[in-house]
Amino acid sequence: MNVPLIELEAVSFTYPDGPTAVIDVTLRIEPGETVVIIGQNGSGKSTLVRHLNGLLRPGSGRVLLDGHDIHSVHVAALAARVGLAFQNPDRQLFAGRVASEVGFGPRNLGVRGAELEARVAAALEDVGLAAEAETNPYDLGLSRRKLLALASVLAMRTPVLVLDEPTTGQDARGVARVRAVVASAAQEGRTVIAISHDMRFAAECFGRVVVMRAGKVALDGSPAAIFAQAAWPELRAAYLEPPLPAVVGAGLGLGSTPTAAALVAALPGPAGEGRGRPPGRAGNE
């Protein structure tokens, strides 16, 4: 599997008779990176990622895969390399059976027979819908339809996986499945790009965090840097709050991404060593 380098060069986009949603964004995403884009509603996150598979084309600037401008590349060709799971699954689902829905993408890529069946079964197992293969997608609740949309992208096995708000509406079990999907894709060397309002998910599951505000990139760095106390004013300017572990970690001198073990050890009394541990002994991952 050839995982492409992704580059956005001074990309801007204005909707017809609407606002300019993305303004002069330049990003370079290396093969195999895990990147999460955060920001308030309307900050340009979804607009930006829809440029990666050709659903939107820049008004100015360029999007490149492995150094090649994708401006004239057909969406169907890009779909073989960049899989996008929409925030609203109902914009993506159309088949009358769950299994048919998941099989549609790989079938369009030329996958047939036992390989197609194996991909469908594996994707449904990954999202916890193996028992629903014959169900009509619209007999599933919204959170499970989101997981189905994710499965339909997983079955395509694209080298780039783009997830728009994958944990929204999920219970703890659903969030755990999404986390496992991200971890598995990363382990396979695929590039994972997500949009999320879940700051803990962003901090714990990705190696890089991009903060967008008013269509521009406001911050770009590791979770430890983005959620460090020094960056909190910039986060709040983007109407974001750091995840609770970062706040607690800052208060206990453990850094912005403390491990669970470090937090427990810092608790007073028999549960941990107490708050007297030296501030320099960080528990960052």
C-alpha atoms as a PDB file:
ATOM      1  CA  MET A   1       0.000   0.000   0.000  1.00  0.00           C
ATOM      2  CA  ASN A   2       1.537   3.282  -1.113  1.00  0.00           C
ATOM      3  CA  VAL A   3       0.625   5.943   1.440  1.00  0.00           C
ATOM      4  CA  PRO A   4       0.813   9.376  -0.183  1.00  0.00           C
ATOM      5  CA  LEU A   5       2.286  12.561   1.107  1.00  0.00           C
ATOM      6  CA  ILE A   6      -0.454  15.203   1.372  1.00  0.00           C
ATOM      7  CA  GLU A   7       0.246  18.866   0.783  1.00  0.00           C
ATOM      8  CA  LEU A   8      -2.050  21.864   0.827  1.00  0.00           C
ATOM      9  CA  GLU A   9      -0.448  24.973  -0.581  1.00  0.00           C
ATOM     10  CA  ALA A  10      -2.121  28.302   0.261  1.00  0.00           C
ATOM     11  CA  VAL A  11      -5.584  26.779  -0.176  1.00  0.00           C
ATOM     12  CA  SER A  12      -8.570  29.096  -0.003  1.00  0.00           C
ATOM     13  CA  PHE A  13     -12.220  28.319  -0.687  1.00  0.00           C
ATOM     14  CA  THR A  14     -15.347  30.468  -0.856  1.00  0.00           C
ATOM     15  CA  TYR A  15     -18.815  28.959  -1.185  1.00  0.00           C
ATOM     16  CA  PRO A  16     -20.946  30.401  -4.003  1.00  0.00           C
ATOM     17  CA  ASP A  17     -22.888  33.366  -2.624  1.00  0.00           C
ATOM     18  CA  GLY A  18     -21.516  32.425   0.797  1.00  0.00           C
ATOM     19  CA  PRO A  19     -18.607  32.948   3.161  1.00  0.00           C
ATOM     20  CA  THR A  20     -14.931  32.278   2.614  1.00  0.00           C
ATOM     21  CA  ALA A  21     -14.561  29.107   4.669  1.00  0.00           C
ATOM     22  CA  VAL A  22     -10.852  28.382   4.211  1.00  0.00           C
ATOM     23  CA  ILE A  23      -8.229  31.111   3.955  1.00  0.00           C
ATOM     24  CA  ASP A  24      -4.674  30.538   2.745  1.00  0.00           C
ATOM     25  CA  VAL A  25      -4.159  27.200   4.511  1.00  0.00           C
ATOM     26  CA  THR A  26      -0.810  25.501   4.047  1.00  0.00           C
ATOM     27  CA  LEU A  27      -0.300  22.043   5.564  1.00  0.00           C
ATOM     28  CA  ARG A  28       2.047  19.162   4.907  1.00  0.00           C
ATOM     29  CA  ILE A  29       0.976  15.736   6.182  1.00  0.00           C
ATOM     30  CA  GLU A  30       3.590  13.017   6.043  1.00  0.00           C
ATOM     31  CA  PRO A  31       2.777   9.413   5.086  1.00  0.00           C
ATOM     32  CA  GLY A  32       1.465   7.493   8.087  1.00  0.00           C
ATOM     33  CA  GLU A  33       0.812  10.537  10.278  1.00  0.00           C
ATOM     34  CA  THR A  34      -2.218  10.733  12.554  1.00  0.00           C
ATOM     35  CA  VAL A  35      -3.626  14.262  12.511  1.00  0.00           C
ATOM     36  CA  VAL A  36      -6.710  15.665  14.207  1.00  0.00           C
ATOM     37  CA  ILE A  37      -8.217  19.025  13.235  1.00  0.00           C
ATOM     38  CA  ILE A  38     -10.093  20.880  15.961  1.00  0.00           C
ATOM     39  CA  GLY A  39     -11.998  24.158  16.051  1.00  0.00           C
ATOM     40  CA  GLN A  40     -15.446  25.586  16.646  1.00  0.00           C
ATOM     41  CA  ASN A  41     -18.316  25.050  14.218  1.00  0.00           C
ATOM     42  CA  GLY A  42     -17.753  27.152  11.121  1.00  0.00           C
ATOM     43  CA  SER A  43     -13.978  27.294  11.479  1.00  0.00           C
ATOM     44  CA  GLY A  44     -13.446  25.562   8.123  1.00  0.00           C
ATOM     45  CA  LYS A  45     -12.559  22.038   9.247  1.00  0.00           C
ATOM     46  CA  SER A  46     -15.015  20.045   7.122  1.00  0.00           C
ATOM     47  CA  THR A  47     -14.536  22.322   4.141  1.00  0.00           C
ATOM     48  CA  LEU A  48     -10.796  21.753   4.340  1.00  0.00           C
ATOM     49  CA  VAL A  49     -10.873  17.945   4.450  1.00  0.00           C
ATOM     50  CA  ARG A  50     -13.329  17.756   1.550  1.00  0.00           C
ATOM     51  CA  HIS A  51     -10.544  19.113  -0.602  1.00  0.00           C
ATOM     52  CA  LEU A  52      -8.524  15.969   0.059  1.00  0.00           C
ATOM     53  CA  ASN A  53     -10.782  13.670  -1.972  1.00  0.00           C
ATOM     54  CA  GLY A  54     -11.894  16.189  -4.570  1.00  0.00           C
ATOM     55  CA  LEU A  55     -15.404  16.864  -3.278  1.00  0.00           C
ATOM     56  CA  LEU A  56     -14.351  20.503  -3.194  1.00  0.00           C
ATOM     57  CA  ARG A  57     -11.729  22.201  -5.345  1.00  0.00           C
ATOM     58  CA  PRO A  58      -9.678  25.175  -4.141  1.00  0.00           C
ATOM     59  CA  GLY A  59     -10.655  28.627  -5.283  1.00  0.00           C
ATOM     60  CA  SER A  60      -6.939  29.363  -5.039  1.00  0.00           C
ATOM     61  CA  GLY A  61      -3.928  27.317  -4.033  1.00  0.00           C
ATOM     62  CA  ARG A  62      -3.243  23.631  -4.658  1.00  0.00           C
ATOM     63  CA  VAL A  63      -3.826  20.202  -3.106  1.00  0.00           C
ATOM     64  CA  LEU A  64      -1.168  17.620  -3.909  1.00  0.00           C
ATOM     65  CA  LEU A  65      -0.848  13.869  -3.357  1.00  0.00           C
ATOM     66  CA  ASP A  66       2.740  12.664  -3.715  1.00  0.00           C
ATOM     67  CA  GLY A  67       3.627  15.922  -5.402  1.00  0.00           C
ATOM     68  CA  HIS A  68       0.862  15.751  -8.016  1.00  0.00           C
ATOM     69  CA  ASP A  69      -1.816  18.433  -8.177  1.00  0.00           C
ATOM     70  CA  ILE A  70      -5.209  16.683  -7.868  1.00  0.00           C
ATOM     71  CA  HIS A  71      -7.198  19.540  -9.390  1.00  0.00           C
ATOM     72  CA  SER A  72      -8.003  17.604 -12.577  1.00  0.00           C
ATOM     73  CA  VAL A  73      -8.169  14.133 -10.972  1.00  0.00           C
ATOM     74  CA  HIS A  74     -11.683  12.640 -10.961  1.00  0.00           C
ATOM     75  CA  VAL A  75     -13.342  12.085  -7.573  1.00  0.00           C
ATOM     76  CA  ALA A  76     -13.721   8.365  -8.319  1.00  0.00           C
ATOM     77  CA  ALA A  77      -9.964   8.027  -8.782  1.00  0.00           C
ATOM     78  CA  LEU A  78      -9.257   9.939  -5.580  1.00  0.00           C
ATOM     79  CA  ALA A  79     -11.702   7.712  -3.679  1.00  0.00           C
ATOM     80  CA  ALA A  80      -9.331   4.792  -4.154  1.00  0.00           C
ATOM     81  CA  ARG A  81      -6.687   6.648  -2.164  1.00  0.00           C
ATOM     82  CA  VAL A  82      -8.586   8.902   0.245  1.00  0.00           C
ATOM     83  CA  GLY A  83     -11.606   7.515   2.106  1.00  0.00           C
ATOM     84  CA  LEU A  84     -13.895  10.021   3.815  1.00  0.00           C
ATOM     85  CA  ALA A  85     -16.534   9.171   6.426  1.00  0.00           C
ATOM     86  CA  PHE A  86     -18.963  12.086   6.652  1.00  0.00           C
ATOM     87  CA  GLN A  87     -20.108  13.667   9.902  1.00  0.00           C
ATOM     88  CA  ASN A  88     -23.716  13.028   8.871  1.00  0.00           C
ATOM     89  CA  PRO A  89     -23.950   9.367   7.792  1.00  0.00           C
ATOM     90  CA  ASP A  90     -27.274   9.970   6.046  1.00  0.00           C
ATOM     91  CA  ARG A  91     -25.383  11.896   3.361  1.00  0.00           C
ATOM     92  CA  GLN A  92     -23.420   8.736   2.643  1.00  0.00           C
ATOM     93  CA  LEU A  93     -25.765   5.752   3.090  1.00  0.00           C
ATOM     94  CA  PHE A  94     -28.159   4.574   0.386  1.00  0.00           C
ATOM     95  CA  ALA A  95     -28.253   0.744   0.159  1.00  0.00           C
ATOM     96  CA  GLY A  96     -31.044  -1.472   1.472  1.00  0.00           C
ATOM     97  CA  ARG A  97     -28.728  -3.825   3.384  1.00  0.00           C
ATOM     98  CA  VAL A  98     -25.859  -3.097   5.730  1.00  0.00           C
ATOM     99  CA  ALA A  99     -23.608  -5.591   3.915  1.00  0.00           C
ATOM    100  CA  SER A 100     -24.432  -4.052   0.539  1.00  0.00           C
ATOM    101  CA  GLU A 101     -23.602  -0.614   1.882  1.00  0.00           C
ATOM    102  CA  VAL A 102     -20.183  -1.725   3.102  1.00  0.00           C
ATOM    103  CA  GLY A 103     -19.473  -3.633  -0.104  1.00  0.00           C
ATOM    104  CA  PHE A 104     -20.321  -0.770  -2.458  1.00  0.00           C
ATOM    105  CA  GLY A 105     -17.005   1.073  -2.203  1.00  0.00           C
ATOM    106  CA  PRO A 106     -14.624  -1.866  -2.649  1.00  0.00           C
ATOM    107  CA  ARG A 107     -16.832  -3.279  -5.436  1.00  0.00           C
ATOM    108  CA  ASN A 108     -16.422   0.007  -7.310  1.00  0.00           C
ATOM    109  CA  LEU A 109     -12.667  -0.418  -6.894  1.00  0.00           C
ATOM    110  CA  GLY A 110     -12.857  -3.780  -8.654  1.00  0.00           C
ATOM    111  CA  VAL A 111     -12.844  -6.060  -5.608  1.00  0.00           C
ATOM    112  CA  ARG A 112     -14.919  -9.208  -6.099  1.00  0.00           C
ATOM    113  CA  GLY A 113     -15.635 -12.667  -4.694  1.00  0.00           C
ATOM    114  CA  ALA A 114     -14.029 -13.942  -1.506  1.00  0.00           C
ATOM    115  CA  GLU A 115     -11.885 -10.830  -1.108  1.00  0.00           C
ATOM    116  CA  LEU A 116     -14.964  -8.584  -1.177  1.00  0.00           C
ATOM    117  CA  GLU A 117     -16.778 -10.786   1.341  1.00  0.00           C
ATOM    118  CA  ALA A 118     -13.732 -10.783   3.622  1.00  0.00           C
ATOM    119  CA  ARG A 119     -13.451  -7.010   3.511  1.00  0.00           C
ATOM    120  CA  VAL A 120     -17.120  -6.517   4.322  1.00  0.00           C
ATOM    121  CA  ALA A 121     -16.989  -9.004   7.206  1.00  0.00           C
ATOM    122  CA  ALA A 122     -13.813  -7.467   8.658  1.00  0.00           C
ATOM    123  CA  ALA A 123     -15.125  -3.898   8.463  1.00  0.00           C
ATOM    124  CA  LEU A 124     -18.429  -4.836  10.128  1.00  0.00           C
ATOM    125  CA  GLU A 125     -16.545  -6.696  12.850  1.00  0.00           C
ATOM    126  CA  ASP A 126     -14.311  -3.668  13.462  1.00  0.00           C
ATOM    127  CA  VAL A 127     -17.295  -1.398  14.139  1.00  0.00           C
ATOM    128  CA  GLY A 128     -19.416  -3.951  16.006  1.00  0.00           C
ATOM    129  CA  LEU A 129     -22.077  -4.442  13.326  1.00  0.00           C
ATOM    130  CA  ALA A 130     -21.294  -8.021  12.267  1.00  0.00           C
ATOM    131  CA  ALA A 131     -24.726  -9.195  13.430  1.00  0.00           C
ATOM    132  CA  GLU A 132     -26.498  -6.503  11.373  1.00  0.00           C
ATOM    133  CA  ALA A 133     -25.312  -7.527   7.891  1.00  0.00           C
ATOM    134  CA  GLU A 134     -28.869  -8.092   6.609  1.00  0.00           C
ATOM    135  CA  THR A 135     -30.413  -5.089   8.391  1.00  0.00           C
ATOM    136  CA  ASN A 136     -31.677  -2.050   6.529  1.00  0.00           C
ATOM    137  CA  PRO A 137     -29.287   0.798   7.450  1.00  0.00           C
ATOM    138  CA  TYR A 138     -32.207   3.062   8.355  1.00  0.00           C
ATOM    139  CA  ASP A 139     -33.373   0.567  10.946  1.00  0.00           C
ATOM    140  CA  LEU A 140     -30.207   1.421  12.861  1.00  0.00           C
ATOM    141  CA  GLY A 141     -30.000   4.372  15.233  1.00  0.00           C
ATOM    142  CA  LEU A 142     -27.932   7.428  14.287  1.00  0.00           C
ATOM    143  CA  SER A 143     -24.856   6.394  16.261  1.00  0.00           C
ATOM    144  CA  ARG A 144     -24.818   2.974  14.603  1.00  0.00           C
ATOM    145  CA  ARG A 145     -25.377   4.520  11.172  1.00  0.00           C
ATOM    146  CA  LYS A 146     -22.238   6.569  11.835  1.00  0.00           C
ATOM    147  CA  LEU A 147     -20.365   3.345  12.563  1.00  0.00           C
ATOM    148  CA  LEU A 148     -21.799   1.853   9.363  1.00  0.00           C
ATOM    149  CA  ALA A 149     -20.526   4.829   7.359  1.00  0.00           C
ATOM    150  CA  LEU A 150     -17.132   4.267   8.946  1.00  0.00           C
ATOM    151  CA  ALA A 151     -17.248   0.560   8.006  1.00  0.00           C
ATOM    152  CA  SER A 152     -18.060   1.438   4.395  1.00  0.00           C
ATOM    153  CA  VAL A 153     -14.840   3.466   4.222  1.00  0.00           C
ATOM    154  CA  LEU A 154     -12.764   0.887   6.091  1.00  0.00           C
ATOM    155  CA  ALA A 155     -13.721  -1.802   3.579  1.00  0.00           C
ATOM    156  CA  MET A 156     -12.134   0.233   0.800  1.00  0.00           C
ATOM    157  CA  ARG A 157      -8.773   0.017   2.602  1.00  0.00           C
ATOM    158  CA  THR A 158      -7.619   3.374   1.312  1.00  0.00           C
ATOM    159  CA  PRO A 159      -4.139   4.496   2.352  1.00  0.00           C
ATOM    160  CA  VAL A 160      -5.637   7.741   3.695  1.00  0.00           C
ATOM    161  CA  LEU A 161      -8.584   7.648   6.095  1.00  0.00           C
ATOM    162  CA  VAL A 162     -10.493  10.870   6.838  1.00  0.00           C
ATOM    163  CA  LEU A 163     -13.048  10.839   9.672  1.00  0.00           C
ATOM    164  CA  ASP A 164     -15.383  13.786  10.235  1.00  0.00           C
ATOM    165  CA  GLU A 165     -16.525  13.849  13.909  1.00  0.00           C
ATOM    166  CA  PRO A 166     -16.411  10.039  14.293  1.00  0.00           C
ATOM    167  CA  THR A 167     -17.150   9.984  18.043  1.00  0.00           C
ATOM    168  CA  THR A 168     -20.143  12.346  18.011  1.00  0.00           C
ATOM    169  CA  GLY A 169     -23.233  10.623  19.418  1.00  0.00           C
ATOM    170  CA  GLN A 170     -21.310   7.488  20.383  1.00  0.00           C
ATOM    171  CA  ASP A 171     -21.553   5.804  23.770  1.00  0.00           C
ATOM    172  CA  ALA A 172     -18.430   4.541  25.533  1.00  0.00           C
ATOM    173  CA  ARG A 173     -18.426   1.313  23.514  1.00  0.00           C
ATOM    174  CA  GLY A 174     -18.752   3.195  20.221  1.00  0.00           C
ATOM    175  CA  VAL A 175     -15.964   5.608  21.144  1.00  0.00           C
ATOM    176  CA  ALA A 176     -13.758   2.643  22.043  1.00  0.00           C
ATOM    177  CA  ARG A 177     -14.412   1.121  18.617  1.00  0.00           C
ATOM    178  CA  VAL A 178     -13.500   4.371  16.869  1.00  0.00           C
ATOM    179  CA  ARG A 179     -10.318   4.616  18.940  1.00  0.00           C
ATOM    180  CA  ALA A 180      -9.429   1.055  17.973  1.00  0.00           C
ATOM    181  CA  VAL A 181     -10.006   1.818  14.286  1.00  0.00           C
ATOM    182  CA  VAL A 182      -7.649   4.814  14.466  1.00  0.00           C
ATOM    183  CA  ALA A 183      -5.000   2.802  16.323  1.00  0.00           C
ATOM    184  CA  SER A 184      -5.255  -0.115  13.893  1.00  0.00           C
ATOM    185  CA  ALA A 185      -5.018   2.119  10.816  1.00  0.00           C
ATOM    186  CA  ALA A 186      -1.998   3.889  12.282  1.00  0.00           C
ATOM    187  CA  GLN A 187      -0.334   0.576  13.060  1.00  0.00           C
ATOM    188  CA  GLU A 188      -0.838  -0.461   9.431  1.00  0.00           C
ATOM    189  CA  GLY A 189       0.987   2.687   8.337  1.00  0.00           C
ATOM    190  CA  ARG A 190      -2.057   4.448   6.926  1.00  0.00           C
ATOM    191  CA  THR A 191      -2.538   8.195   7.268  1.00  0.00           C
ATOM    192  CA  VAL A 192      -5.461   9.102   9.530  1.00  0.00           C
ATOM    193  CA  ILE A 193      -6.967  12.585   9.506  1.00  0.00           C
ATOM    194  CA  ALA A 194      -9.903  13.341  11.787  1.00  0.00           C
ATOM    195  CA  ILE A 195     -12.094  16.270  12.728  1.00  0.00           C
ATOM    196  CA  SER A 196     -13.269  16.262  16.316  1.00  0.00           C
ATOM    197  CA  HIS A 197     -14.821  18.302  19.098  1.00  0.00           C
ATOM    198  CA  ASP A 198     -13.748  15.603  21.578  1.00  0.00           C
ATOM    199  CA  MET A 199     -10.588  17.040  23.093  1.00  0.00           C
ATOM    200  CA  ARG A 200      -9.698  13.896  25.001  1.00  0.00           C
ATOM    201  CA  PHE A 201     -10.013  11.798  21.840  1.00  0.00           C
ATOM    202  CA  ALA A 202      -7.822  14.343  20.049  1.00  0.00           C
ATOM    203  CA  ALA A 203      -5.182  14.362  22.776  1.00  0.00           C
ATOM    204  CA  GLU A 204      -4.985  10.604  23.285  1.00  0.00           C
ATOM    205  CA  CYS A 205      -5.374   9.158  19.779  1.00  0.00           C
ATOM    206  CA  PHE A 206      -3.368  11.436  17.481  1.00  0.00           C
ATOM    207  CA  GLY A 207       0.236  12.449  17.085  1.00  0.00           C
ATOM    208  CA  ARG A 208      -0.527  15.925  15.751  1.00  0.00           C
ATOM    209  CA  VAL A 209      -3.225  18.512  16.436  1.00  0.00           C
ATOM    210  CA  VAL A 210      -4.189  21.318  14.052  1.00  0.00           C
ATOM    211  CA  VAL A 211      -6.345  24.118  15.474  1.00  0.00           C
ATOM    212  CA  MET A 212      -8.467  26.103  13.016  1.00  0.00           C
ATOM    213  CA  ARG A 213     -10.018  29.475  13.700  1.00  0.00           C
ATOM    214  CA  ALA A 214     -12.000  31.567  11.190  1.00  0.00           C
ATOM    215  CA  GLY A 215     -10.771  29.524   8.242  1.00  0.00           C
ATOM    216  CA  LYS A 216      -7.090  29.680   9.150  1.00  0.00           C
ATOM    217  CA  VAL A 217      -4.623  27.450  10.981  1.00  0.00           C
ATOM    218  CA  ALA A 218      -4.122  28.974  14.430  1.00  0.00           C
ATOM    219  CA  LEU A 219      -1.945  26.253  15.997  1.00  0.00           C
ATOM    220  CA  ASP A 220      -0.202  23.130  14.730  1.00  0.00           C
ATOM    221  CA  GLY A 221       1.805  20.748  16.893  1.00  0.00           C
ATOM    222  CA  SER A 222       1.893  17.711  19.134  1.00  0.00           C
ATOM    223  CA  PRO A 223      -0.891  17.147  21.698  1.00  0.00           C
ATOM    224  CA  ALA A 224       1.618  17.916  24.456  1.00  0.00           C
ATOM    225  CA  ALA A 225       2.322  21.322  22.902  1.00  0.00           C
ATOM    226  CA  ILE A 226      -1.215  22.212  21.823  1.00  0.00           C
ATOM    227  CA  PHE A 227      -2.778  21.359  25.196  1.00  0.00           C
ATOM    228  CA  ALA A 228       0.043  22.819  27.311  1.00  0.00           C
ATOM    229  CA  GLN A 229      -0.969  25.665  29.598  1.00  0.00           C
ATOM    230  CA  ALA A 230       0.924  28.204  27.483  1.00  0.00           C
ATOM    231  CA  ALA A 231      -1.405  27.471  24.554  1.00  0.00           C
ATOM    232  CA  TRP A 232      -4.670  27.766  26.508  1.00  0.00           C
ATOM    233  CA  PRO A 233      -5.273  31.455  25.591  1.00  0.00           C
ATOM    234  CA  GLU A 234      -5.023  30.574  21.885  1.00  0.00           C
ATOM    235  CA  LEU A 235      -7.347  27.606  22.380  1.00  0.00           C
ATOM    236  CA  ARG A 236      -9.901  29.774  24.122  1.00  0.00           C
ATOM    237  CA  ALA A 237      -9.652  32.343  21.337  1.00  0.00           C
ATOM    238  CA  ALA A 238     -10.783  29.476  19.099  1.00  0.00           C
ATOM    239  CA  TYR A 239     -13.613  28.699  21.590  1.00  0.00           C
ATOM    240  CA  LEU A 240     -11.952  25.479  22.704  1.00  0.00           C
ATOM    241  CA  GLU A 241     -11.055  24.148  26.139  1.00  0.00           C
ATOM    242  CA  PRO A 242      -8.169  21.783  26.870  1.00  0.00           C
ATOM    243  CA  PRO A 243      -9.143  18.240  27.891  1.00  0.00           C
ATOM    244  CA  LEU A 244      -9.628  17.629  31.603  1.00  0.00           C
ATOM    245  CA  PRO A 245      -6.450  15.511  31.975  1.00  0.00           C
ATOM    246  CA  ALA A 246      -4.432  18.461  30.642  1.00  0.00           C
ATOM    247  CA  VAL A 247      -6.008  20.802  33.190  1.00  0.00           C
ATOM    248  CA  VAL A 248      -5.445  18.347  36.048  1.00  0.00           C
ATOM    249  CA  GLY A 249      -1.942  17.574  34.813  1.00  0.00           C
ATOM    250  CA  ALA A 250      -1.052  21.278  34.767  1.00  0.00           C
ATOM    251  CA  GLY A 251      -2.345  21.688  38.312  1.00  0.00           C
ATOM    252  CA  LEU A 252      -0.288  18.736  39.566  1.00  0.00           C
ATOM    253  CA  GLY A 253       2.863  19.559  37.638  1.00  0.00           C
ATOM    254  CA  LEU A 254       2.504  16.507  35.381  1.00  0.00           C
ATOM    255  CA  GLY A 255       2.396  18.218  32.002  1.00  0.00           C
ATOM    256  CA  SER A 256      -0.376  18.422  29.422  1.00  0.00           C
ATOM    257  CA  THR A 257      -0.694  14.709  28.553  1.00  0.00           C
ATOM    258  CA  PRO A 258      -0.332  12.870  31.859  1.00  0.00           C
ATOM    259  CA  THR A 259      -0.708   9.110  31.935  1.00  0.00           C
ATOM    260  CA  ALA A 260      -3.427   7.552  34.062  1.00  0.00           C
ATOM    261  CA  ALA A 261      -0.711   6.013  36.256  1.00  0.00           C
ATOM    262  CA  ALA A 262       0.896   9.420  36.816  1.00  0.00           C
ATOM    263  CA  LEU A 263      -2.457  10.954  37.812  1.00  0.00           C
ATOM    264  CA  VAL A 264      -3.177   8.124  40.260  1.00  0.00           C
ATOM    265  CA  ALA A 265       0.311   8.400  41.742  1.00  0.00           C
ATOM    266  CA  ALA A 266      -0.216  12.115  42.344  1.00  0.00           C
ATOM    267  CA  LEU A 267      -3.406  11.595  44.350  1.00  0.00           C
ATOM    268  CA  PRO A 268      -3.155  12.232  48.103  1.00  0.00           C
ATOM    269  CA  GLY A 269      -3.503   9.358  50.543  1.00  0.00           C
ATOM    270  CA  PRO A 270      -3.223   5.612  49.966  1.00  0.00           C
ATOM    271  CA  ALA A 271      -4.279   5.817  46.302  1.00  0.00           C
ATOM    272  CA  GLY A 272      -1.036   7.523  45.313  1.00  0.00           C
ATOM    273  CA  GLU A 273       2.191   9.120  46.424  1.00  0.00           C
ATOM    274  CA  GLY A 274       0.538  12.426  47.247  1.00  0.00           C
ATOM    275  CA  ARG A 275       0.778  15.891  45.808  1.00  0.00           C
ATOM    276  CA  GLY A 276       4.226  16.311  47.222  1.00  0.00           C
ATOM    277  CA  ARG A 277       5.970  14.688  44.267  1.00  0.00           C
ATOM    278  CA  PRO A 278       8.432  17.079  42.619  1.00  0.00           C
ATOM    279  CA  PRO A 279       6.828  19.135  39.825  1.00  0.00           C
ATOM    280  CA  GLY A 280       9.661  18.179  37.479  1.00  0.00           C
ATOM    281  CA  ARG A 281       8.706  14.485  37.518  1.00  0.00           C
ATOM    282  CA  ALA A 282       6.328  14.621  34.599  1.00  0.00           C
ATOM    283  CA  GLY A 283       4.069  11.761  33.623  1.00  0.00           C
ATOM    284  CA  ASN A 284       3.773  12.659  29.980  1.00  0.00           C
ATOM    285  CA  GLU A 285       3.418   9.928  27.431  1.00  0.00           C
END
